[in-house]
Amino acid sequence: TRVRSSAASDVYKRQVKEVVDATRGRLLSGPHDVTFTQLFTDSREVKPGGLFVALRGEEHDGHVFIPQAIERGAAGIVCERPPQGIEGASVIQVEDTRQALFDITADRLARQPHPIVAITGSAGKTTTKDLIAHLLGRRLRVHKSKGNLNTYTGIPMTVFQMDPRDRALILEYAMSRAGEIRELTRVAPPTIGVVLNVGLAHVGFLGSIDAVAAAKRELVEGLAPGGLAVLNADDPRVRAMSAVARRFTLYGVAGDAAVRADRIRTQGLEGSSFMLLTPRGKAEVYLRLPGHHSISNALAAAAVALEFDFDAPAIASALHGFAPPARRMNIVTGRNGATVIDDSYNASPGSMLAALDVLGLAPRGTLKVAVLGDMLELGDHAQRAHDEIGAMAGKTADVLIAVGEYAPRVVQAARRAGMPTDRAFVVESAEQAVASLTPLLGAQTQVLVKGSRGMRLERVVEQIREAP
């Protein structure tokens, strides 16, 4: 049974009574007839007319920031402890604001059921989400999570932002601890769950790669009745999740994958081409995303599109028109005609290795420079992971510029792998990285810039790219 969407109805603006009913709360004060147009959990982001939910976190208590939310124009407050002296806003008291946030989200989804496509994995979630949205957008209006709105606070905000004309919801389900994805599936049970890969991302919180796999498996276990698991056949830990899926499809290059890439031809930074094989025909695909990992992400998107009645030629046509999102394998022109691979959005061991592999595809005669920042949240695995990245850089790059706490390890590993001592070095900041890079920039230079989001290496790209 393929996914169908329901008819539209204007149910998206939430009134006070609807929020009170959904949360089983109590209206303490303020107007009874206010309509909320947006949802916020960060008082700094509140816009006039919004509903602010005061969450209690490990470090901050949202109740402290209720006055700030009111000052910014919040029309409603959901809280556990009623604030004093609040005027003009509707104040709704609940027992647990975290649960209330989930209740508001579930209520909205229940009022207009949408097919929900959820994506998880240690690398590639955002690009795959955008690929799926691009594909499905050829046939129907879709709503996708923006930026890093992929957690227990971000997903409710995404749901609240939906338009009455939307016909499908595409979400990233991120996690750093066991149980987080399970919690998200209870709020928004996915119609289709895509698991891309299992790597060392967040292993610092979970302890082992098998624990990471178990946390990702929660997406498959939490599918809606009749839901489909889309699983990477080329990742053994992901393939094994088929054991807990009532319905699944495999994608990859493995011979038994239902959605498969054959006759792959890579074309460096220009992307790749391959024959797409599916149960609904085959077609030649020209993908403008570099690297083998991009082919895998495209196959995952193709498997989802099949559930929306796409055939192989329609999928191939849509994939050809896709351009990568900002700071994810973006190819930009740098100073003096240099080519910059801007993959600075985030980094995990898997995505870092994939990016270095792309750098290694540069044509003969090119000066290949890797500017690498730390990969965060790896716990006890951090040293080994950075050693592996350094060793890979030593084989694929001509020059390595490393920044961060683990930069000395990365450089040492690159030198052990054969990189000359004077071509692998540590810098203390993004500014120093730019200073070291500048003399190297020329028409025959390719620069990869990549690190975890906390390293903010987009500053390097901004300073070395060609002036508008």
Protein backbone atom coordinates (compact mmCIF):
# COMPACT_ATOMS: atom_id res chain seq x y z
CA THR A 1 0.00 0.00 0.00
CA ARG A 2 1.54 3.25 -1.09
CA VAL A 3 1.38 6.47 0.88
CA ARG A 4 -1.58 8.72 0.21
CA SER A 5 -2.17 12.14 1.74
CA SER A 6 -5.40 13.37 3.24
CA ALA A 7 -7.45 16.33 2.12
CA ALA A 8 -6.45 19.72 3.43
CA SER A 9 -8.31 21.59 6.15
CA ASP A 10 -7.40 24.82 7.88
CA VAL A 11 -6.41 23.40 11.28
CA TYR A 12 -3.01 24.94 11.77
CA LYS A 13 -3.58 27.95 14.00
CA ARG A 14 -3.97 26.93 17.62
CA GLN A 15 -6.45 28.65 19.89
CA VAL A 16 -6.19 28.86 23.66
CA LYS A 17 -8.89 26.26 24.26
CA GLU A 18 -7.24 23.80 21.88
CA VAL A 19 -3.91 24.12 23.69
CA VAL A 20 -5.62 23.75 27.08
CA ASP A 21 -7.49 20.64 25.91
CA ALA A 22 -4.42 19.07 24.27
CA THR A 23 -2.22 19.56 27.33
CA ARG A 24 -4.93 18.92 29.94
CA GLY A 25 -3.84 22.27 31.37
CA ARG A 26 -5.59 25.14 33.09
CA LEU A 27 -5.97 28.70 31.83
CA LEU A 28 -4.89 30.85 34.78
CA SER A 29 -5.15 34.29 33.26
CA GLY A 30 -5.29 36.27 30.06
CA PRO A 31 -7.57 36.23 27.01
CA HIS A 32 -9.66 33.17 26.13
CA ASP A 33 -9.85 33.93 22.40
CA VAL A 34 -6.18 34.27 21.35
CA THR A 35 -4.88 32.36 18.33
CA PHE A 36 -1.23 31.25 18.33
CA THR A 37 0.61 31.18 15.04
CA GLN A 38 4.05 29.96 16.12
CA LEU A 39 5.62 27.84 18.85
CA PHE A 40 8.82 28.69 20.73
CA THR A 41 10.94 27.08 23.43
CA ASP A 42 13.71 29.71 23.33
CA SER A 43 12.65 33.11 24.66
CA ARG A 44 15.25 34.82 22.45
CA GLU A 45 13.45 33.63 19.33
CA VAL A 46 9.90 34.53 20.35
CA LYS A 47 7.92 36.55 17.81
CA PRO A 48 4.67 38.48 18.40
CA GLY A 49 1.67 36.17 18.58
CA GLY A 50 3.75 33.13 19.49
CA LEU A 51 3.22 30.50 22.17
CA PHE A 52 6.18 30.10 24.54
CA VAL A 53 6.65 26.76 26.30
CA ALA A 54 8.85 27.13 29.41
CA LEU A 55 10.96 23.97 29.51
CA ARG A 56 13.12 22.88 32.42
CA GLY A 57 16.56 21.80 31.18
CA GLU A 58 19.70 20.51 32.84
CA GLU A 59 21.32 23.95 32.74
CA HIS A 60 18.48 26.43 32.24
CA ASP A 61 14.89 26.75 33.39
CA GLY A 62 12.62 28.37 30.83
CA HIS A 63 10.42 29.76 33.58
CA VAL A 64 13.15 32.28 34.35
CA PHE A 65 12.81 33.67 30.83
CA ILE A 66 9.03 34.09 30.74
CA PRO A 67 9.31 37.90 31.21
CA GLN A 68 11.68 38.04 28.24
CA ALA A 69 9.22 36.02 26.13
CA ILE A 70 6.41 38.41 27.10
CA GLU A 71 8.58 41.39 26.28
CA ARG A 72 9.18 39.95 22.80
CA GLY A 73 5.45 39.64 22.18
CA ALA A 74 4.45 36.14 23.29
CA ALA A 75 0.66 35.83 23.24
CA GLY A 76 0.64 32.69 25.36
CA ILE A 77 2.73 30.95 28.00
CA VAL A 78 2.72 27.25 28.88
CA CYS A 79 4.34 26.76 32.28
CA GLU A 80 4.44 24.60 35.40
CA ARG A 81 4.88 27.45 37.87
CA PRO A 82 2.60 30.45 37.25
CA PRO A 83 4.57 33.68 36.80
CA GLN A 84 3.80 36.76 38.82
CA GLY A 85 2.60 40.04 37.36
CA ILE A 86 2.13 38.84 33.78
CA GLU A 87 -0.37 40.87 31.77
CA GLY A 88 -1.71 40.57 28.25
CA ALA A 89 -0.71 36.93 27.60
CA SER A 90 -2.76 33.79 28.13
CA VAL A 91 -1.06 31.75 30.86
CA ILE A 92 -1.68 27.98 30.72
CA GLN A 93 -0.45 25.89 33.65
CA VAL A 94 0.42 22.22 33.07
CA GLU A 95 1.96 19.48 35.16
CA ASP A 96 4.95 18.90 32.86
CA THR A 97 5.93 21.35 30.10
CA ARG A 98 8.02 18.80 28.21
CA GLN A 99 5.01 16.48 28.00
CA ALA A 100 2.82 19.44 27.11
CA LEU A 101 5.10 20.20 24.16
CA PHE A 102 4.64 16.64 22.95
CA ASP A 103 0.89 16.79 23.52
CA ILE A 104 0.56 19.97 21.43
CA THR A 105 2.52 18.30 18.62
CA ALA A 106 0.55 15.07 18.72
CA ASP A 107 -2.73 17.01 18.73
CA ARG A 108 -1.77 18.93 15.62
CA LEU A 109 -0.72 15.77 13.78
CA ALA A 110 -3.94 14.02 14.82
CA ARG A 111 -6.09 16.84 13.48
CA GLN A 112 -4.60 16.43 10.03
CA PRO A 113 -2.68 13.21 9.49
CA HIS A 114 0.27 13.57 7.15
CA PRO A 115 2.69 10.99 5.81
CA ILE A 116 5.81 11.47 7.95
CA VAL A 117 9.21 10.59 6.55
CA ALA A 118 11.84 10.42 9.31
CA ILE A 119 15.58 10.16 8.68
CA THR A 120 18.30 9.17 11.11
CA GLY A 121 21.94 8.17 10.79
CA SER A 122 25.40 9.13 11.94
CA ALA A 123 26.10 11.14 8.76
CA GLY A 124 24.15 12.53 5.83
CA LYS A 125 20.78 13.21 7.49
CA THR A 126 20.34 16.77 6.29
CA THR A 127 21.39 16.16 2.70
CA THR A 128 19.15 13.10 2.48
CA LYS A 129 16.25 15.06 3.98
CA ASP A 130 16.75 17.71 1.33
CA LEU A 131 17.02 15.09 -1.42
CA ILE A 132 13.72 13.53 -0.32
CA ALA A 133 12.03 16.91 -0.10
CA HIS A 134 13.31 17.79 -3.57
CA LEU A 135 12.07 14.51 -5.04
CA LEU A 136 8.62 14.54 -3.45
CA GLY A 137 8.30 18.25 -4.17
CA ARG A 138 7.97 17.37 -7.85
CA ARG A 139 4.52 15.95 -7.13
CA LEU A 140 3.20 17.42 -3.88
CA ARG A 141 3.80 20.18 -1.40
CA VAL A 142 6.11 19.04 1.42
CA HIS A 143 7.22 20.56 4.70
CA LYS A 144 10.68 19.73 6.05
CA SER A 145 12.56 20.53 9.22
CA LYS A 146 14.91 23.47 8.83
CA GLY A 147 18.52 23.70 9.96
CA ASN A 148 19.05 21.68 13.12
CA LEU A 149 15.38 21.48 14.18
CA ASN A 150 15.71 17.74 14.66
CA THR A 151 15.35 17.23 18.42
CA TYR A 152 12.51 17.05 20.92
CA THR A 153 12.17 20.84 20.78
CA GLY A 154 12.86 21.33 17.08
CA ILE A 155 10.40 18.77 15.73
CA PRO A 156 7.38 20.28 17.55
CA MET A 157 8.38 23.70 16.18
CA THR A 158 8.56 22.22 12.67
CA VAL A 159 5.13 20.63 13.00
CA PHE A 160 3.67 23.90 14.29
CA GLN A 161 5.01 25.73 11.20
CA MET A 162 3.15 23.53 8.72
CA ASP A 163 0.88 25.07 6.11
CA PRO A 164 -2.65 23.80 5.39
CA ARG A 165 -1.52 22.98 1.85
CA ASP A 166 1.33 20.66 2.93
CA ARG A 167 0.88 17.00 2.06
CA ALA A 168 3.93 15.35 3.62
CA LEU A 169 6.25 16.03 6.53
CA ILE A 170 9.99 15.26 6.27
CA LEU A 171 11.98 15.27 9.50
CA GLU A 172 15.43 14.46 10.80
CA TYR A 173 15.37 12.45 14.04
CA ALA A 174 18.59 13.26 15.86
CA MET A 175 19.78 11.82 19.13
CA SER A 176 22.68 11.90 21.56
CA ARG A 177 21.31 9.44 24.11
CA ALA A 178 19.39 6.19 24.12
CA GLY A 179 15.62 6.63 24.17
CA GLU A 180 15.51 10.03 22.45
CA ILE A 181 14.43 8.70 19.05
CA ARG A 182 11.89 6.41 20.71
CA GLU A 183 10.41 9.46 22.41
CA LEU A 184 10.19 11.31 19.09
CA THR A 185 8.44 8.39 17.38
CA ARG A 186 5.78 8.39 20.08
CA VAL A 187 5.05 12.05 19.35
CA ALA A 188 5.29 11.78 15.56
CA PRO A 189 5.16 8.10 14.46
CA PRO A 190 6.86 7.93 11.05
CA THR A 191 5.11 6.48 8.03
CA ILE A 192 8.54 5.87 6.52
CA GLY A 193 11.73 5.58 8.57
CA VAL A 194 15.09 5.92 6.81
CA VAL A 195 18.27 4.70 8.54
CA LEU A 196 21.38 5.81 6.66
CA ASN A 197 24.34 4.46 8.62
CA VAL A 198 25.76 3.74 12.05
CA GLY A 199 29.03 5.44 12.93
CA LEU A 200 30.87 6.93 15.86
CA ALA A 201 28.82 10.14 15.99
CA HIS A 202 27.59 10.61 19.59
CA VAL A 203 29.39 7.45 20.74
CA GLY A 204 30.79 9.58 23.58
CA PHE A 205 27.30 9.65 25.10
CA LEU A 206 26.40 6.04 24.32
CA GLY A 207 29.65 4.18 24.97
CA SER A 208 29.93 1.88 21.94
CA ILE A 209 29.02 1.70 18.29
CA ASP A 210 26.58 -1.13 19.04
CA ALA A 211 24.82 1.19 21.49
CA VAL A 212 24.62 3.79 18.71
CA ALA A 213 23.04 1.16 16.46
CA ALA A 214 20.50 0.28 19.14
CA ALA A 215 19.60 3.97 19.50
CA LYS A 216 19.13 4.33 15.72
CA ARG A 217 17.04 1.13 15.66
CA GLU A 218 14.46 2.93 17.80
CA LEU A 219 13.28 4.63 14.61
CA VAL A 220 12.42 1.28 13.01
CA GLU A 221 10.77 0.04 16.20
CA GLY A 222 8.68 3.21 16.44
CA LEU A 223 7.19 3.20 12.94
CA ALA A 224 3.46 3.77 12.60
CA PRO A 225 1.37 0.64 11.91
CA GLY A 226 2.06 -0.43 8.34
CA GLY A 227 5.11 1.85 8.19
CA LEU A 228 8.09 1.15 5.95
CA ALA A 229 11.72 0.95 7.07
CA VAL A 230 14.19 2.09 4.38
CA LEU A 231 17.53 0.51 5.32
CA ASN A 232 21.08 0.78 3.98
CA ALA A 233 22.01 -2.68 2.70
CA ASP A 234 25.71 -1.75 2.66
CA ASP A 235 25.92 -1.06 6.41
CA PRO A 236 25.75 -4.36 8.33
CA ARG A 237 24.37 -2.76 11.49
CA VAL A 238 21.62 -1.01 9.54
CA ARG A 239 20.80 -4.10 7.48
CA ALA A 240 20.36 -6.04 10.73
CA MET A 241 17.51 -3.68 11.72
CA SER A 242 15.30 -5.48 9.20
CA ALA A 243 14.82 -8.11 11.95
CA VAL A 244 12.60 -5.69 13.91
CA ALA A 245 10.80 -4.20 10.89
CA ARG A 246 7.35 -5.39 9.88
CA ARG A 247 7.94 -3.99 6.40
CA PHE A 248 11.27 -2.89 4.95
CA THR A 249 13.18 -2.21 1.76
CA LEU A 250 16.95 -2.28 1.26
CA TYR A 251 18.94 0.21 -0.80
CA GLY A 252 22.61 0.29 -1.76
CA VAL A 253 25.06 -1.38 -4.09
CA ALA A 254 24.58 -4.83 -2.53
CA GLY A 255 23.18 -7.37 -4.96
CA ASP A 256 20.03 -8.01 -2.94
CA ALA A 257 19.10 -4.34 -2.52
CA ALA A 258 15.68 -3.54 -3.97
CA VAL A 259 16.87 -0.03 -4.85
CA ARG A 260 20.35 -0.34 -6.28
CA ALA A 261 23.07 1.59 -8.08
CA ASP A 262 24.87 -0.20 -10.90
CA ARG A 263 27.55 0.89 -13.39
CA ILE A 264 28.75 3.73 -11.13
CA ARG A 265 31.04 6.31 -12.76
CA THR A 266 32.49 9.04 -10.54
CA GLN A 267 33.40 12.39 -12.08
CA GLY A 268 35.29 14.12 -9.26
CA LEU A 269 33.67 17.30 -7.98
CA GLU A 270 31.21 17.20 -10.89
CA GLY A 271 29.37 14.32 -9.23
CA SER A 272 28.66 10.87 -10.58
CA SER A 273 26.41 8.82 -12.80
CA PHE A 274 24.90 5.39 -12.29
CA MET A 275 22.11 3.11 -13.40
CA LEU A 276 19.24 3.21 -10.90
CA LEU A 277 17.56 -0.19 -10.56
CA THR A 278 14.18 -0.33 -8.79
CA PRO A 279 11.05 -2.50 -8.66
CA ARG A 280 9.47 0.21 -10.84
CA GLY A 281 11.97 0.22 -13.64
CA LYS A 282 15.49 1.50 -14.23
CA ALA A 283 16.97 4.79 -15.38
CA GLU A 284 20.34 6.50 -15.80
CA VAL A 285 21.00 9.03 -13.02
CA TYR A 286 23.33 12.02 -13.25
CA LEU A 287 23.95 13.26 -9.70
CA ARG A 288 25.58 16.63 -9.10
CA LEU A 289 26.87 15.61 -5.66
CA PRO A 290 30.45 14.31 -5.33
CA GLY A 291 31.43 11.14 -3.52
CA HIS A 292 30.16 7.58 -3.15
CA HIS A 293 28.31 8.55 0.04
CA SER A 294 26.15 10.91 -2.03
CA ILE A 295 25.07 8.00 -4.22
CA SER A 296 23.97 6.14 -1.09
CA ASN A 297 21.95 9.14 0.10
CA ALA A 298 20.33 9.46 -3.33
CA LEU A 299 19.35 5.78 -3.26
CA ALA A 300 17.68 6.28 0.13
CA ALA A 301 15.69 9.17 -1.31
CA ALA A 302 14.74 7.06 -4.34
CA ALA A 303 13.43 4.28 -2.08
CA VAL A 304 11.18 6.81 -0.33
CA ALA A 305 9.94 8.24 -3.64
CA LEU A 306 8.83 4.77 -4.76
CA GLU A 307 6.34 4.79 -1.87
CA PHE A 308 4.82 7.94 -3.34
CA ASP A 309 4.24 6.26 -6.74
CA PHE A 310 7.34 7.61 -8.51
CA ASP A 311 8.92 5.40 -11.14
CA ALA A 312 12.63 5.19 -11.93
CA PRO A 313 12.68 7.77 -14.80
CA ALA A 314 10.81 10.34 -12.65
CA ILE A 315 13.27 9.77 -9.79
CA ALA A 316 16.27 10.13 -12.11
CA SER A 317 14.92 13.38 -13.54
CA ALA A 318 14.40 14.87 -10.08
CA LEU A 319 17.80 13.76 -8.76
CA HIS A 320 19.54 15.45 -11.67
CA GLY A 321 18.02 18.79 -10.66
CA PHE A 322 19.18 18.65 -7.04
CA ALA A 323 21.80 21.07 -5.72
CA PRO A 324 23.41 20.53 -2.29
CA PRO A 325 22.31 22.62 0.71
CA ALA A 326 24.55 25.30 2.17
CA ARG A 327 27.85 24.20 3.73
CA ARG A 328 27.34 20.55 2.77
CA MET A 329 29.68 19.62 -0.05
CA ASN A 330 29.13 23.01 -1.67
CA ILE A 331 31.68 23.76 -4.37
CA VAL A 332 32.53 27.47 -4.33
CA THR A 333 35.19 29.59 -6.00
CA GLY A 334 37.97 30.81 -3.74
CA ARG A 335 40.51 33.56 -4.10
CA ASN A 336 42.80 33.42 -7.14
CA GLY A 337 40.52 30.86 -8.78
CA ALA A 338 40.91 28.15 -6.13
CA THR A 339 38.18 25.53 -5.70
CA VAL A 340 36.74 25.31 -2.20
CA ILE A 341 34.78 22.29 -0.97
CA ASP A 342 32.65 23.81 1.76
CA ASP A 343 31.55 20.94 4.01
CA SER A 344 31.82 23.01 7.18
CA TYR A 345 28.30 22.43 8.49
CA ASN A 346 29.23 19.49 10.73
CA ALA A 347 31.51 16.47 10.98
CA SER A 348 31.51 12.89 12.21
CA PRO A 349 34.11 10.19 11.50
CA GLY A 350 32.03 8.78 8.65
CA SER A 351 31.33 12.09 6.96
CA MET A 352 34.94 13.22 7.45
CA LEU A 353 36.29 10.12 5.71
CA ALA A 354 33.77 10.61 2.89
CA ALA A 355 34.82 14.24 2.43
CA LEU A 356 38.53 13.34 2.35
CA ASP A 357 37.71 10.69 -0.23
CA VAL A 358 36.14 13.41 -2.39
CA LEU A 359 39.25 15.57 -1.99
CA GLY A 360 41.33 12.62 -3.14
CA LEU A 361 39.41 12.57 -6.45
CA ALA A 362 41.04 15.84 -7.53
CA PRO A 363 42.79 15.58 -10.93
CA ARG A 364 46.52 15.11 -11.26
CA GLY A 365 48.46 18.33 -10.81
CA THR A 366 46.04 19.77 -8.25
CA LEU A 367 47.29 20.97 -4.86
CA LYS A 368 44.90 19.31 -2.39
CA VAL A 369 44.58 21.12 0.95
CA ALA A 370 42.53 19.81 3.90
CA VAL A 371 41.50 22.26 6.63
CA LEU A 372 40.11 20.03 9.38
CA GLY A 373 38.59 20.84 12.76
CA ASP A 374 37.79 18.61 15.70
CA MET A 375 34.97 16.06 15.62
CA LEU A 376 33.03 16.52 18.85
CA GLU A 377 31.02 14.22 21.13
CA LEU A 378 33.15 11.12 20.55
CA GLY A 379 34.05 10.44 24.18
CA ASP A 380 36.65 7.72 24.69
CA HIS A 381 36.72 7.07 20.94
CA ALA A 382 37.92 10.58 20.09
CA GLN A 383 41.65 9.85 20.00
CA ARG A 384 41.33 6.81 17.76
CA ALA A 385 38.85 8.55 15.47
CA HIS A 386 41.11 11.57 15.00
CA ASP A 387 44.09 9.28 14.38
CA GLU A 388 42.12 7.59 11.58
CA ILE A 389 41.17 10.93 10.06
CA GLY A 390 44.79 12.08 10.15
CA ALA A 391 45.95 8.88 8.48
CA MET A 392 43.34 9.33 5.74
CA ALA A 393 44.35 12.97 5.25
CA GLY A 394 47.96 11.86 4.92
CA LYS A 395 47.00 9.70 1.95
CA THR A 396 44.48 11.97 0.19
CA ALA A 397 45.74 15.53 0.80
CA ASP A 398 48.97 17.31 -0.09
CA VAL A 399 48.69 19.83 2.75
CA LEU A 400 46.92 19.49 6.10
CA ILE A 401 45.94 22.41 8.32
CA ALA A 402 44.37 21.20 11.58
CA VAL A 403 42.66 23.24 14.28
CA GLY A 404 41.26 22.16 17.64
CA GLU A 405 42.12 20.12 20.71
CA TYR A 406 42.89 17.02 18.66
CA ALA A 407 44.78 18.83 15.90
CA PRO A 408 48.22 17.56 17.09
CA ARG A 409 47.01 13.94 16.88
CA VAL A 410 45.57 14.49 13.41
CA VAL A 411 48.84 16.03 12.20
CA GLN A 412 50.99 13.29 13.76
CA ALA A 413 48.85 10.60 12.14
CA ALA A 414 49.12 12.32 8.75
CA ARG A 415 52.89 12.47 9.04
CA ARG A 416 53.03 8.77 9.98
CA ALA A 417 50.99 8.08 6.84
CA GLY A 418 53.67 9.75 4.72
CA MET A 419 52.79 13.45 4.58
CA PRO A 420 55.95 15.62 4.74
CA THR A 421 56.45 17.30 8.11
CA ASP A 422 56.35 20.80 6.67
CA ARG A 423 53.02 20.13 4.95
CA ALA A 424 51.04 19.07 8.03
CA PHE A 425 50.71 21.58 10.83
CA VAL A 426 48.52 22.86 13.65
CA VAL A 427 46.95 26.31 13.84
CA GLU A 428 45.22 27.87 16.81
CA SER A 429 42.21 29.48 15.14
CA ALA A 430 40.18 29.94 11.98
CA GLU A 431 42.04 33.19 11.38
CA GLN A 432 45.40 31.44 11.51
CA ALA A 433 44.05 28.79 9.13
CA VAL A 434 43.16 31.55 6.66
CA ALA A 435 46.62 33.10 7.00
CA SER A 436 48.26 29.73 6.29
CA LEU A 437 45.94 29.04 3.36
CA THR A 438 46.22 32.34 1.56
CA PRO A 439 49.65 31.78 -0.06
CA LEU A 440 48.46 28.38 -1.35
CA LEU A 441 45.37 29.60 -3.17
CA GLY A 442 45.52 29.37 -6.94
CA ALA A 443 43.71 27.99 -9.95
CA GLN A 444 45.18 24.52 -9.35
CA THR A 445 44.27 24.38 -5.65
CA GLN A 446 41.37 22.46 -4.10
CA VAL A 447 40.59 23.17 -0.45
CA LEU A 448 38.36 21.01 1.76
CA VAL A 449 37.02 22.76 4.89
CA LYS A 450 35.34 20.49 7.42
CA GLY A 451 34.80 20.21 11.18
CA SER A 452 32.08 19.86 13.78
CA ARG A 453 29.60 22.70 14.03
CA GLY A 454 31.14 23.90 17.28
CA MET A 455 34.42 24.59 15.46
CA ARG A 456 32.70 27.20 13.25
CA LEU A 457 34.98 26.61 10.28
CA GLU A 458 32.50 28.37 8.00
CA ARG A 459 34.55 31.42 9.00
CA VAL A 460 37.43 30.01 6.97
CA VAL A 461 35.23 29.61 3.89
CA GLU A 462 33.83 33.11 4.23
CA GLN A 463 37.33 34.59 4.26
CA ILE A 464 38.90 32.61 1.43
CA ARG A 465 36.02 32.54 -1.05
CA GLU A 466 36.03 34.87 -4.02
CA ALA A 467 34.61 38.31 -3.27
CA PRO A 468 31.11 38.85 -4.74
